[in-house]
């Protein structure tokens, strides 16, 4: 009986100090390994979030520019035979340019575009040689100094007109245009002709500033840590050398490659900033025609 009690006492005496130390060391090793794995996963997740956010921002800028490049010139009546690009009979042929060729660079582009897509119809015949007042169906959204175009294509005409607004009569739905208008020689615009506001839209990259957009109401910054590169391409995808000309625009230019490089706002866990590069080619639908 005594031996039995002694045996039970030894079996229930617990861990030795050495066993406890071994257990603590093993637990520490497992804990350190788990913490290192957790830290690596956290760092990887943090870096992945930065990469995704930066790429999304760059892609958003690309799509903003590309959506407008696809429809640049919308509202300019350059399809009118008497108002085409480079028309020599006009007092200022440059107003017919959907894309302002003199301003096209590898980091900046300017083009004319009806941003809203809204149009107004003439409510009375308009002969610019007889007066500068134009009666419209609607003048909402039109302001002094806005650039406007008129065309009589829906009335089977071949003419166009460019002018800036000098007065808006909201009650009478009448606008007055500047006497320095540019129009097809002898152009008359019958009731039902179309009027559109077509401002110049500018996308540009400025070092230490970033990429901005301006349509006449002040520049809007799209990315202060981004750069813009534009490559003008012909129908074979070959680069067209700058500077552009009207002939190159009409006969050769078919698309533009837009490349945006954006640097992340936050640092990666390595202490460096991530740079996303996004590039896409956009076809110019409104320029696919010859003289």
C-alpha atoms as a PDB file:
ATOM      1  CA  UNK A   1       0.000   0.000   0.000  1.00  0.00           C
ATOM      2  CA  UNK A   2       2.812   2.336   0.839  1.00  0.00           C
ATOM      3  CA  UNK A   3       4.539   1.674  -2.464  1.00  0.00           C
ATOM      4  CA  UNK A   4       1.345   2.334  -4.312  1.00  0.00           C
ATOM      5  CA  UNK A   5       0.904   5.713  -2.633  1.00  0.00           C
ATOM      6  CA  UNK A   6       4.447   6.665  -3.408  1.00  0.00           C
ATOM      7  CA  UNK A   7       3.980   5.760  -7.056  1.00  0.00           C
ATOM      8  CA  UNK A   8       0.842   7.878  -7.346  1.00  0.00           C
ATOM      9  CA  UNK A   9       2.578  10.788  -5.733  1.00  0.00           C
ATOM     10  CA  UNK A  10       5.406  10.687  -8.268  1.00  0.00           C
ATOM     11  CA  UNK A  11       3.059  10.358 -11.268  1.00  0.00           C
ATOM     12  CA  UNK A  12       1.059  13.427 -10.167  1.00  0.00           C
ATOM     13  CA  UNK A  13       4.007  15.648  -9.315  1.00  0.00           C
ATOM     14  CA  UNK A  14       3.603  17.765 -12.637  1.00  0.00           C
ATOM     15  CA  UNK A  15       6.174  19.103 -15.161  1.00  0.00           C
ATOM     16  CA  UNK A  16       9.765  19.589 -14.249  1.00  0.00           C
ATOM     17  CA  UNK A  17      11.427  22.969 -14.639  1.00  0.00           C
ATOM     18  CA  UNK A  18      13.270  21.703 -17.705  1.00  0.00           C
ATOM     19  CA  UNK A  19      10.033  20.599 -19.347  1.00  0.00           C
ATOM     20  CA  UNK A  20       8.471  23.986 -18.672  1.00  0.00           C
ATOM     21  CA  UNK A  21      11.444  25.766 -20.222  1.00  0.00           C
ATOM     22  CA  UNK A  22      11.286  23.578 -23.325  1.00  0.00           C
ATOM     23  CA  UNK A  23       7.558  24.281 -23.645  1.00  0.00           C
ATOM     24  CA  UNK A  24       8.078  28.015 -23.320  1.00  0.00           C
ATOM     25  CA  UNK A  25      10.831  28.008 -25.939  1.00  0.00           C
ATOM     26  CA  UNK A  26       8.726  26.029 -28.402  1.00  0.00           C
ATOM     27  CA  UNK A  27       5.726  28.307 -27.786  1.00  0.00           C
ATOM     28  CA  UNK A  28       7.893  31.360 -28.362  1.00  0.00           C
ATOM     29  CA  UNK A  29       9.198  29.936 -31.642  1.00  0.00           C
ATOM     30  CA  UNK A  30       5.659  29.190 -32.820  1.00  0.00           C
ATOM     31  CA  UNK A  31       4.470  32.635 -31.714  1.00  0.00           C
ATOM     32  CA  UNK A  32       7.334  34.429 -33.455  1.00  0.00           C
ATOM     33  CA  UNK A  33       6.713  32.443 -36.636  1.00  0.00           C
ATOM     34  CA  UNK A  34       3.009  33.242 -36.514  1.00  0.00           C
ATOM     35  CA  UNK A  35       3.711  36.935 -35.963  1.00  0.00           C
ATOM     36  CA  UNK A  36       6.175  37.010 -38.854  1.00  0.00           C
ATOM     37  CA  UNK A  37       3.651  35.323 -41.119  1.00  0.00           C
ATOM     38  CA  UNK A  38       0.940  37.740 -39.972  1.00  0.00           C
ATOM     39  CA  UNK A  39       3.252  40.705 -40.505  1.00  0.00           C
ATOM     40  CA  UNK A  40       4.151  39.498 -44.003  1.00  0.00           C
ATOM     41  CA  UNK A  41       0.488  38.985 -44.861  1.00  0.00           C
ATOM     42  CA  UNK A  42      -0.391  42.424 -43.521  1.00  0.00           C
ATOM     43  CA  UNK A  43       2.415  44.077 -45.494  1.00  0.00           C
ATOM     44  CA  UNK A  44       1.422  42.218 -48.656  1.00  0.00           C
ATOM     45  CA  UNK A  45      -2.219  43.224 -48.184  1.00  0.00           C
ATOM     46  CA  UNK A  46      -1.226  46.850 -47.539  1.00  0.00           C
ATOM     47  CA  UNK A  47       0.977  46.957 -50.640  1.00  0.00           C
ATOM     48  CA  UNK A  48      -1.716  45.280 -52.745  1.00  0.00           C
ATOM     49  CA  UNK A  49      -4.235  47.915 -51.662  1.00  0.00           C
ATOM     50  CA  UNK A  50      -1.856  50.707 -52.700  1.00  0.00           C
ATOM     51  CA  UNK A  51      -1.179  49.072 -56.086  1.00  0.00           C
ATOM     52  CA  UNK A  52      -4.866  48.540 -56.823  1.00  0.00           C
ATOM     53  CA  UNK A  53      -5.851  52.072 -55.770  1.00  0.00           C
ATOM     54  CA  UNK A  54      -3.096  53.633 -57.877  1.00  0.00           C
ATOM     55  CA  UNK A  55      -3.985  51.568 -60.952  1.00  0.00           C
ATOM     56  CA  UNK A  56      -7.680  52.424 -60.561  1.00  0.00           C
ATOM     57  CA  UNK A  57      -6.870  56.157 -60.402  1.00  0.00           C
ATOM     58  CA  UNK A  58      -4.690  55.940 -63.520  1.00  0.00           C
ATOM     59  CA  UNK A  59      -7.368  53.963 -65.370  1.00  0.00           C
ATOM     60  CA  UNK A  60     -10.031  56.513 -64.385  1.00  0.00           C
ATOM     61  CA  UNK A  61      -7.968  59.320 -65.937  1.00  0.00           C
ATOM     62  CA  UNK A  62      -7.434  57.267 -69.096  1.00  0.00           C
ATOM     63  CA  UNK A  63     -11.157  56.626 -69.487  1.00  0.00           C
ATOM     64  CA  UNK A  64     -12.065  60.276 -68.819  1.00  0.00           C
ATOM     65  CA  UNK A  65      -9.756  61.418 -71.597  1.00  0.00           C
ATOM     66  CA  UNK A  66     -10.620  58.560 -73.944  1.00  0.00           C
ATOM     67  CA  UNK A  67     -14.382  59.004 -73.714  1.00  0.00           C
ATOM     68  CA  UNK A  68     -14.028  62.562 -75.006  1.00  0.00           C
ATOM     69  CA  UNK A  69     -11.387  61.735 -77.623  1.00  0.00           C
ATOM     70  CA  UNK A  70     -13.834  59.295 -79.197  1.00  0.00           C
ATOM     71  CA  UNK A  71     -16.307  62.115 -79.852  1.00  0.00           C
ATOM     72  CA  UNK A  72     -14.028  65.147 -80.213  1.00  0.00           C
ATOM     73  CA  UNK A  73     -15.426  67.640 -82.692  1.00  0.00           C
ATOM     74  CA  UNK A  74     -19.011  66.796 -81.767  1.00  0.00           C
ATOM     75  CA  UNK A  75     -20.943  69.978 -82.564  1.00  0.00           C
ATOM     76  CA  UNK A  76     -18.468  71.406 -85.086  1.00  0.00           C
ATOM     77  CA  UNK A  77     -20.123  71.373 -88.557  1.00  0.00           C
ATOM     78  CA  UNK A  78     -16.916  70.362 -90.347  1.00  0.00           C
ATOM     79  CA  UNK A  79     -18.869  67.826 -92.401  1.00  0.00           C
ATOM     80  CA  UNK A  80     -20.524  70.751 -94.202  1.00  0.00           C
ATOM     81  CA  UNK A  81     -18.944  71.084 -97.707  1.00  0.00           C
ATOM     82  CA  UNK A  82     -18.573  74.862 -97.270  1.00  0.00           C
ATOM     83  CA  UNK A  83     -17.164  74.643 -93.731  1.00  0.00           C
ATOM     84  CA  UNK A  84     -14.634  71.804 -93.807  1.00  0.00           C
ATOM     85  CA  UNK A  85     -11.251  71.583 -92.124  1.00  0.00           C
ATOM     86  CA  UNK A  86      -8.854  74.041 -93.742  1.00  0.00           C
ATOM     87  CA  UNK A  87     -11.553  75.643 -95.894  1.00  0.00           C
ATOM     88  CA  UNK A  88      -9.728  78.494 -97.681  1.00  0.00           C
ATOM     89  CA  UNK A  89     -12.861  80.544 -98.321  1.00  0.00           C
ATOM     90  CA  UNK A  90     -13.271  81.266 -94.598  1.00  0.00           C
ATOM     91  CA  UNK A  91     -11.832  84.360 -92.931  1.00  0.00           C
ATOM     92  CA  UNK A  92     -10.372  82.091 -90.215  1.00  0.00           C
ATOM     93  CA  UNK A  93     -10.038  78.432 -91.282  1.00  0.00           C
ATOM     94  CA  UNK A  94      -8.772  77.439 -87.820  1.00  0.00           C
ATOM     95  CA  UNK A  95     -12.300  77.555 -86.350  1.00  0.00           C
ATOM     96  CA  UNK A  96     -13.194  74.444 -88.353  1.00  0.00           C
ATOM     97  CA  UNK A  97     -10.538  72.320 -86.628  1.00  0.00           C
ATOM     98  CA  UNK A  98     -12.140  69.715 -84.316  1.00  0.00           C
ATOM     99  CA  UNK A  99      -8.605  69.085 -83.035  1.00  0.00           C
ATOM    100  CA  UNK A 100      -6.475  72.204 -82.675  1.00  0.00           C
ATOM    101  CA  UNK A 101      -3.417  71.033 -84.575  1.00  0.00           C
ATOM    102  CA  UNK A 102      -1.203  73.932 -83.492  1.00  0.00           C
ATOM    103  CA  UNK A 103      -1.709  72.989 -79.851  1.00  0.00           C
ATOM    104  CA  UNK A 104      -1.194  69.227 -80.129  1.00  0.00           C
ATOM    105  CA  UNK A 105       1.932  68.048 -78.296  1.00  0.00           C
ATOM    106  CA  UNK A 106       3.059  64.846 -76.640  1.00  0.00           C
ATOM    107  CA  UNK A 107       1.738  66.090 -73.284  1.00  0.00           C
ATOM    108  CA  UNK A 108      -1.192  68.348 -74.222  1.00  0.00           C
ATOM    109  CA  UNK A 109      -4.195  68.277 -76.527  1.00  0.00           C
ATOM    110  CA  UNK A 110      -6.993  70.730 -77.294  1.00  0.00           C
ATOM    111  CA  UNK A 111     -10.202  69.928 -79.132  1.00  0.00           C
ATOM    112  CA  UNK A 112     -13.689  71.300 -79.624  1.00  0.00           C
ATOM    113  CA  UNK A 113     -16.568  69.405 -78.094  1.00  0.00           C
ATOM    114  CA  UNK A 114     -20.236  69.864 -77.290  1.00  0.00           C
ATOM    115  CA  UNK A 115     -19.853  68.622 -73.705  1.00  0.00           C
ATOM    116  CA  UNK A 116     -23.552  68.422 -72.863  1.00  0.00           C
ATOM    117  CA  UNK A 117     -24.835  67.184 -76.217  1.00  0.00           C
ATOM    118  CA  UNK A 118     -27.612  69.781 -76.032  1.00  0.00           C
ATOM    119  CA  UNK A 119     -28.737  71.665 -79.155  1.00  0.00           C
ATOM    120  CA  UNK A 120     -31.066  74.582 -79.852  1.00  0.00           C
ATOM    121  CA  UNK A 121     -33.059  75.199 -83.015  1.00  0.00           C
ATOM    122  CA  UNK A 122     -33.395  78.512 -84.802  1.00  0.00           C
ATOM    123  CA  UNK A 123     -36.945  79.820 -84.536  1.00  0.00           C
ATOM    124  CA  UNK A 124     -36.505  82.264 -87.425  1.00  0.00           C
ATOM    125  CA  UNK A 125     -34.352  82.586 -90.515  1.00  0.00           C
ATOM    126  CA  UNK A 126     -30.904  84.018 -89.717  1.00  0.00           C
ATOM    127  CA  UNK A 127     -28.776  85.909 -92.233  1.00  0.00           C
ATOM    128  CA  UNK A 128     -25.605  87.141 -90.450  1.00  0.00           C
ATOM    129  CA  UNK A 129     -25.148  89.786 -93.147  1.00  0.00           C
ATOM    130  CA  UNK A 130     -28.429  91.421 -92.064  1.00  0.00           C
ATOM    131  CA  UNK A 131     -28.164  91.246 -88.271  1.00  0.00           C
ATOM    132  CA  UNK A 132     -26.504  89.497 -85.336  1.00  0.00           C
ATOM    133  CA  UNK A 133     -29.568  88.519 -83.271  1.00  0.00           C
ATOM    134  CA  UNK A 134     -30.638  84.862 -83.330  1.00  0.00           C
ATOM    135  CA  UNK A 135     -34.054  83.625 -82.135  1.00  0.00           C
ATOM    136  CA  UNK A 136     -33.820  80.178 -80.512  1.00  0.00           C
ATOM    137  CA  UNK A 137     -36.047  77.518 -79.025  1.00  0.00           C
ATOM    138  CA  UNK A 138     -34.016  77.620 -75.813  1.00  0.00           C
ATOM    139  CA  UNK A 139     -31.159  79.753 -74.444  1.00  0.00           C
ATOM    140  CA  UNK A 140     -30.700  78.022 -71.081  1.00  0.00           C
ATOM    141  CA  UNK A 141     -27.078  77.058 -70.580  1.00  0.00           C
ATOM    142  CA  UNK A 142     -25.849  79.744 -72.974  1.00  0.00           C
ATOM    143  CA  UNK A 143     -23.755  82.604 -71.588  1.00  0.00           C
ATOM    144  CA  UNK A 144     -21.830  85.617 -72.838  1.00  0.00           C
ATOM    145  CA  UNK A 145     -18.471  84.637 -74.411  1.00  0.00           C
ATOM    146  CA  UNK A 146     -19.602  81.068 -75.088  1.00  0.00           C
ATOM    147  CA  UNK A 147     -18.394  79.778 -78.481  1.00  0.00           C
ATOM    148  CA  UNK A 148     -21.235  78.522 -80.678  1.00  0.00           C
ATOM    149  CA  UNK A 149     -21.626  76.836 -84.062  1.00  0.00           C
ATOM    150  CA  UNK A 150     -24.614  76.871 -86.408  1.00  0.00           C
ATOM    151  CA  UNK A 151     -25.237  74.554 -89.322  1.00  0.00           C
ATOM    152  CA  UNK A 152     -28.087  74.140 -91.785  1.00  0.00           C
ATOM    153  CA  UNK A 153     -27.501  70.464 -92.567  1.00  0.00           C
ATOM    154  CA  UNK A 154     -30.986  69.443 -91.391  1.00  0.00           C
ATOM    155  CA  UNK A 155     -32.353  71.964 -93.880  1.00  0.00           C
ATOM    156  CA  UNK A 156     -30.318  70.434 -96.723  1.00  0.00           C
ATOM    157  CA  UNK A 157     -27.705  73.189 -96.520  1.00  0.00           C
ATOM    158  CA  UNK A 158     -23.914  73.039 -96.813  1.00  0.00           C
ATOM    159  CA  UNK A 159     -22.923  75.931 -94.566  1.00  0.00           C
ATOM    160  CA  UNK A 160     -21.567  76.547 -91.089  1.00  0.00           C
ATOM    161  CA  UNK A 161     -20.926  79.477 -88.774  1.00  0.00           C
ATOM    162  CA  UNK A 162     -18.707  80.078 -85.748  1.00  0.00           C
ATOM    163  CA  UNK A 163     -19.154  82.971 -83.313  1.00  0.00           C
ATOM    164  CA  UNK A 164     -19.039  83.973 -79.669  1.00  0.00           C
ATOM    165  CA  UNK A 165     -22.069  85.211 -77.764  1.00  0.00           C
ATOM    166  CA  UNK A 166     -22.136  88.857 -76.703  1.00  0.00           C
ATOM    167  CA  UNK A 167     -25.654  89.012 -75.231  1.00  0.00           C
ATOM    168  CA  UNK A 168     -28.289  86.599 -73.956  1.00  0.00           C
ATOM    169  CA  UNK A 169     -31.964  87.593 -73.684  1.00  0.00           C
ATOM    170  CA  UNK A 170     -33.434  84.784 -71.572  1.00  0.00           C
ATOM    171  CA  UNK A 171     -36.974  86.165 -71.672  1.00  0.00           C
ATOM    172  CA  UNK A 172     -37.077  86.635 -75.424  1.00  0.00           C
ATOM    173  CA  UNK A 173     -34.898  83.557 -76.090  1.00  0.00           C
ATOM    174  CA  UNK A 174     -32.582  85.613 -78.271  1.00  0.00           C
ATOM    175  CA  UNK A 175     -28.787  85.705 -78.372  1.00  0.00           C
ATOM    176  CA  UNK A 176     -26.533  88.231 -80.070  1.00  0.00           C
ATOM    177  CA  UNK A 177     -23.248  87.114 -81.620  1.00  0.00           C
ATOM    178  CA  UNK A 178     -19.996  88.983 -82.134  1.00  0.00           C
ATOM    179  CA  UNK A 179     -19.471  90.816 -85.453  1.00  0.00           C
ATOM    180  CA  UNK A 180     -16.212  88.858 -85.892  1.00  0.00           C
ATOM    181  CA  UNK A 181     -18.108  85.667 -86.693  1.00  0.00           C
ATOM    182  CA  UNK A 182     -16.749  83.209 -89.268  1.00  0.00           C
ATOM    183  CA  UNK A 183     -19.224  81.759 -91.764  1.00  0.00           C
ATOM    184  CA  UNK A 184     -19.423  80.165 -95.172  1.00  0.00           C
ATOM    185  CA  UNK A 185     -19.562  82.885 -97.850  1.00  0.00           C
ATOM    186  CA  UNK A 186     -23.177  83.967 -98.366  1.00  0.00           C
ATOM    187  CA  UNK A 187     -24.460  81.540 -95.725  1.00  0.00           C
ATOM    188  CA  UNK A 188     -28.075  81.890 -94.613  1.00  0.00           C
ATOM    189  CA  UNK A 189     -29.533  79.675 -91.898  1.00  0.00           C
ATOM    190  CA  UNK A 190     -33.255  78.996 -92.178  1.00  0.00           C
ATOM    191  CA  UNK A 191     -35.581  78.294 -89.293  1.00  0.00           C
ATOM    192  CA  UNK A 192     -34.855  74.798 -87.956  1.00  0.00           C
ATOM    193  CA  UNK A 193     -31.079  75.083 -88.310  1.00  0.00           C
ATOM    194  CA  UNK A 194     -29.039  73.739 -85.377  1.00  0.00           C
ATOM    195  CA  UNK A 195     -27.021  75.755 -82.849  1.00  0.00           C
ATOM    196  CA  UNK A 196     -24.580  74.140 -80.414  1.00  0.00           C
ATOM    197  CA  UNK A 197     -22.209  75.425 -77.762  1.00  0.00           C
ATOM    198  CA  UNK A 198     -18.781  73.939 -78.495  1.00  0.00           C
ATOM    199  CA  UNK A 199     -16.030  75.024 -76.077  1.00  0.00           C
ATOM    200  CA  UNK A 200     -12.365  74.070 -76.383  1.00  0.00           C
ATOM    201  CA  UNK A 201     -11.438  71.227 -74.040  1.00  0.00           C
ATOM    202  CA  UNK A 202      -7.809  71.022 -72.942  1.00  0.00           C
ATOM    203  CA  UNK A 203      -6.030  68.071 -71.362  1.00  0.00           C
ATOM    204  CA  UNK A 204      -2.465  68.762 -70.334  1.00  0.00           C
ATOM    205  CA  UNK A 205       0.376  67.593 -68.148  1.00  0.00           C
ATOM    206  CA  UNK A 206       2.507  70.116 -66.276  1.00  0.00           C
ATOM    207  CA  UNK A 207       5.560  69.012 -64.267  1.00  0.00           C
ATOM    208  CA  UNK A 208       5.103  69.404 -60.498  1.00  0.00           C
ATOM    209  CA  UNK A 209       1.381  69.987 -61.102  1.00  0.00           C
ATOM    210  CA  UNK A 210      -0.017  66.894 -62.804  1.00  0.00           C
ATOM    211  CA  UNK A 211      -2.770  66.188 -65.339  1.00  0.00           C
ATOM    212  CA  UNK A 212      -5.582  68.706 -65.650  1.00  0.00           C
ATOM    213  CA  UNK A 213      -8.705  69.314 -67.723  1.00  0.00           C
ATOM    214  CA  UNK A 214     -10.052  72.746 -68.669  1.00  0.00           C
ATOM    215  CA  UNK A 215     -13.057  73.645 -70.834  1.00  0.00           C
ATOM    216  CA  UNK A 216     -12.984  77.364 -70.157  1.00  0.00           C
ATOM    217  CA  UNK A 217     -14.175  77.368 -66.572  1.00  0.00           C
ATOM    218  CA  UNK A 218     -10.823  76.821 -64.887  1.00  0.00           C
ATOM    219  CA  UNK A 219      -8.502  73.847 -64.771  1.00  0.00           C
ATOM    220  CA  UNK A 220      -9.609  70.763 -62.849  1.00  0.00           C
ATOM    221  CA  UNK A 221      -6.759  68.623 -61.532  1.00  0.00           C
ATOM    222  CA  UNK A 222      -7.241  64.948 -62.395  1.00  0.00           C
ATOM    223  CA  UNK A 223      -4.012  63.684 -60.859  1.00  0.00           C
ATOM    224  CA  UNK A 224      -1.315  65.683 -59.106  1.00  0.00           C
ATOM    225  CA  UNK A 225       1.061  62.732 -59.070  1.00  0.00           C
ATOM    226  CA  UNK A 226       0.482  61.600 -62.661  1.00  0.00           C
ATOM    227  CA  UNK A 227       2.068  62.208 -66.067  1.00  0.00           C
ATOM    228  CA  UNK A 228       0.449  62.198 -69.513  1.00  0.00           C
ATOM    229  CA  UNK A 229       1.904  61.049 -72.831  1.00  0.00           C
ATOM    230  CA  UNK A 230       0.061  61.287 -76.157  1.00  0.00           C
ATOM    231  CA  UNK A 231       1.028  59.449 -79.324  1.00  0.00           C
ATOM    232  CA  UNK A 232      -0.818  60.334 -82.552  1.00  0.00           C
ATOM    233  CA  UNK A 233      -1.297  57.306 -84.827  1.00  0.00           C
ATOM    234  CA  UNK A 234      -2.204  56.716 -88.473  1.00  0.00           C
ATOM    235  CA  UNK A 235      -4.483  53.934 -89.807  1.00  0.00           C
ATOM    236  CA  UNK A 236      -1.592  51.436 -89.562  1.00  0.00           C
ATOM    237  CA  UNK A 237      -0.864  52.308 -85.939  1.00  0.00           C
ATOM    238  CA  UNK A 238       2.330  54.172 -86.796  1.00  0.00           C
ATOM    239  CA  UNK A 239       3.255  57.355 -84.931  1.00  0.00           C
ATOM    240  CA  UNK A 240       2.676  60.631 -86.769  1.00  0.00           C
ATOM    241  CA  UNK A 241       5.513  63.105 -86.191  1.00  0.00           C
ATOM    242  CA  UNK A 242       4.726  66.429 -84.568  1.00  0.00           C
ATOM    243  CA  UNK A 243       3.782  69.137 -85.287  1.00  0.00           C
ATOM    244  CA  UNK A 244       0.469  68.088 -86.758  1.00  0.00           C
ATOM    245  CA  UNK A 245      -1.042  69.781 -89.806  1.00  0.00           C
ATOM    246  CA  UNK A 246      -4.578  69.919 -91.158  1.00  0.00           C
ATOM    247  CA  UNK A 247      -3.601  67.519 -93.945  1.00  0.00           C
ATOM    248  CA  UNK A 248      -2.196  65.020 -91.434  1.00  0.00           C
ATOM    249  CA  UNK A 249      -5.310  65.271 -89.278  1.00  0.00           C
ATOM    250  CA  UNK A 250      -7.717  64.721 -92.148  1.00  0.00           C
ATOM    251  CA  UNK A 251      -5.777  62.185 -94.207  1.00  0.00           C
ATOM    252  CA  UNK A 252      -3.661  60.304 -91.666  1.00  0.00           C
ATOM    253  CA  UNK A 253      -4.714  60.711 -88.035  1.00  0.00           C
ATOM    254  CA  UNK A 254      -6.998  57.876 -86.986  1.00  0.00           C
ATOM    255  CA  UNK A 255      -6.305  57.265 -83.293  1.00  0.00           C
ATOM    256  CA  UNK A 256      -4.403  58.501 -80.248  1.00  0.00           C
ATOM    257  CA  UNK A 257      -2.520  56.391 -77.739  1.00  0.00           C
ATOM    258  CA  UNK A 258      -2.893  57.796 -74.233  1.00  0.00           C
ATOM    259  CA  UNK A 259      -0.419  56.733 -71.554  1.00  0.00           C
ATOM    260  CA  UNK A 260      -0.792  57.725 -67.916  1.00  0.00           C
ATOM    261  CA  UNK A 261       1.824  57.053 -65.259  1.00  0.00           C
ATOM    262  CA  UNK A 262       0.677  57.574 -61.693  1.00  0.00           C
ATOM    263  CA  UNK A 263       2.718  57.452 -58.501  1.00  0.00           C
ATOM    264  CA  UNK A 264       1.024  56.234 -55.334  1.00  0.00           C
ATOM    265  CA  UNK A 265       0.190  58.711 -52.592  1.00  0.00           C
ATOM    266  CA  UNK A 266       1.355  56.314 -49.884  1.00  0.00           C
ATOM    267  CA  UNK A 267       4.638  54.474 -49.473  1.00  0.00           C
ATOM    268  CA  UNK A 268       4.898  50.737 -49.836  1.00  0.00           C
ATOM    269  CA  UNK A 269       6.190  48.784 -46.845  1.00  0.00           C
ATOM    270  CA  UNK A 270       9.589  48.848 -48.547  1.00  0.00           C
ATOM    271  CA  UNK A 271       9.599  52.636 -48.221  1.00  0.00           C
ATOM    272  CA  UNK A 272       9.215  53.242 -51.952  1.00  0.00           C
ATOM    273  CA  UNK A 273       6.258  54.605 -53.941  1.00  0.00           C
ATOM    274  CA  UNK A 274       4.453  52.417 -56.439  1.00  0.00           C
ATOM    275  CA  UNK A 275       4.127  53.593 -60.055  1.00  0.00           C
ATOM    276  CA  UNK A 276       1.225  52.410 -62.212  1.00  0.00           C
ATOM    277  CA  UNK A 277       1.419  52.665 -66.007  1.00  0.00           C
ATOM    278  CA  UNK A 278      -1.799  52.445 -68.033  1.00  0.00           C
ATOM    279  CA  UNK A 279      -1.979  52.844 -71.817  1.00  0.00           C
ATOM    280  CA  UNK A 280      -4.876  52.631 -74.279  1.00  0.00           C
ATOM    281  CA  UNK A 281      -5.538  53.538 -77.926  1.00  0.00           C
ATOM    282  CA  UNK A 282      -8.698  55.498 -78.771  1.00  0.00           C
ATOM    283  CA  UNK A 283     -10.103  55.783 -82.280  1.00  0.00           C
ATOM    284  CA  UNK A 284     -11.136  59.211 -83.561  1.00  0.00           C
ATOM    285  CA  UNK A 285     -14.527  58.528 -85.094  1.00  0.00           C
ATOM    286  CA  UNK A 286     -15.208  62.067 -86.286  1.00  0.00           C
ATOM    287  CA  UNK A 287     -12.084  62.414 -88.431  1.00  0.00           C
ATOM    288  CA  UNK A 288     -12.380  59.375 -90.692  1.00  0.00           C
ATOM    289  CA  UNK A 289     -12.955  61.174 -93.955  1.00  0.00           C
ATOM    290  CA  UNK A 290     -10.968  62.883 -96.698  1.00  0.00           C
ATOM    291  CA  UNK A 291     -11.248  66.326 -98.197  1.00  0.00           C
END
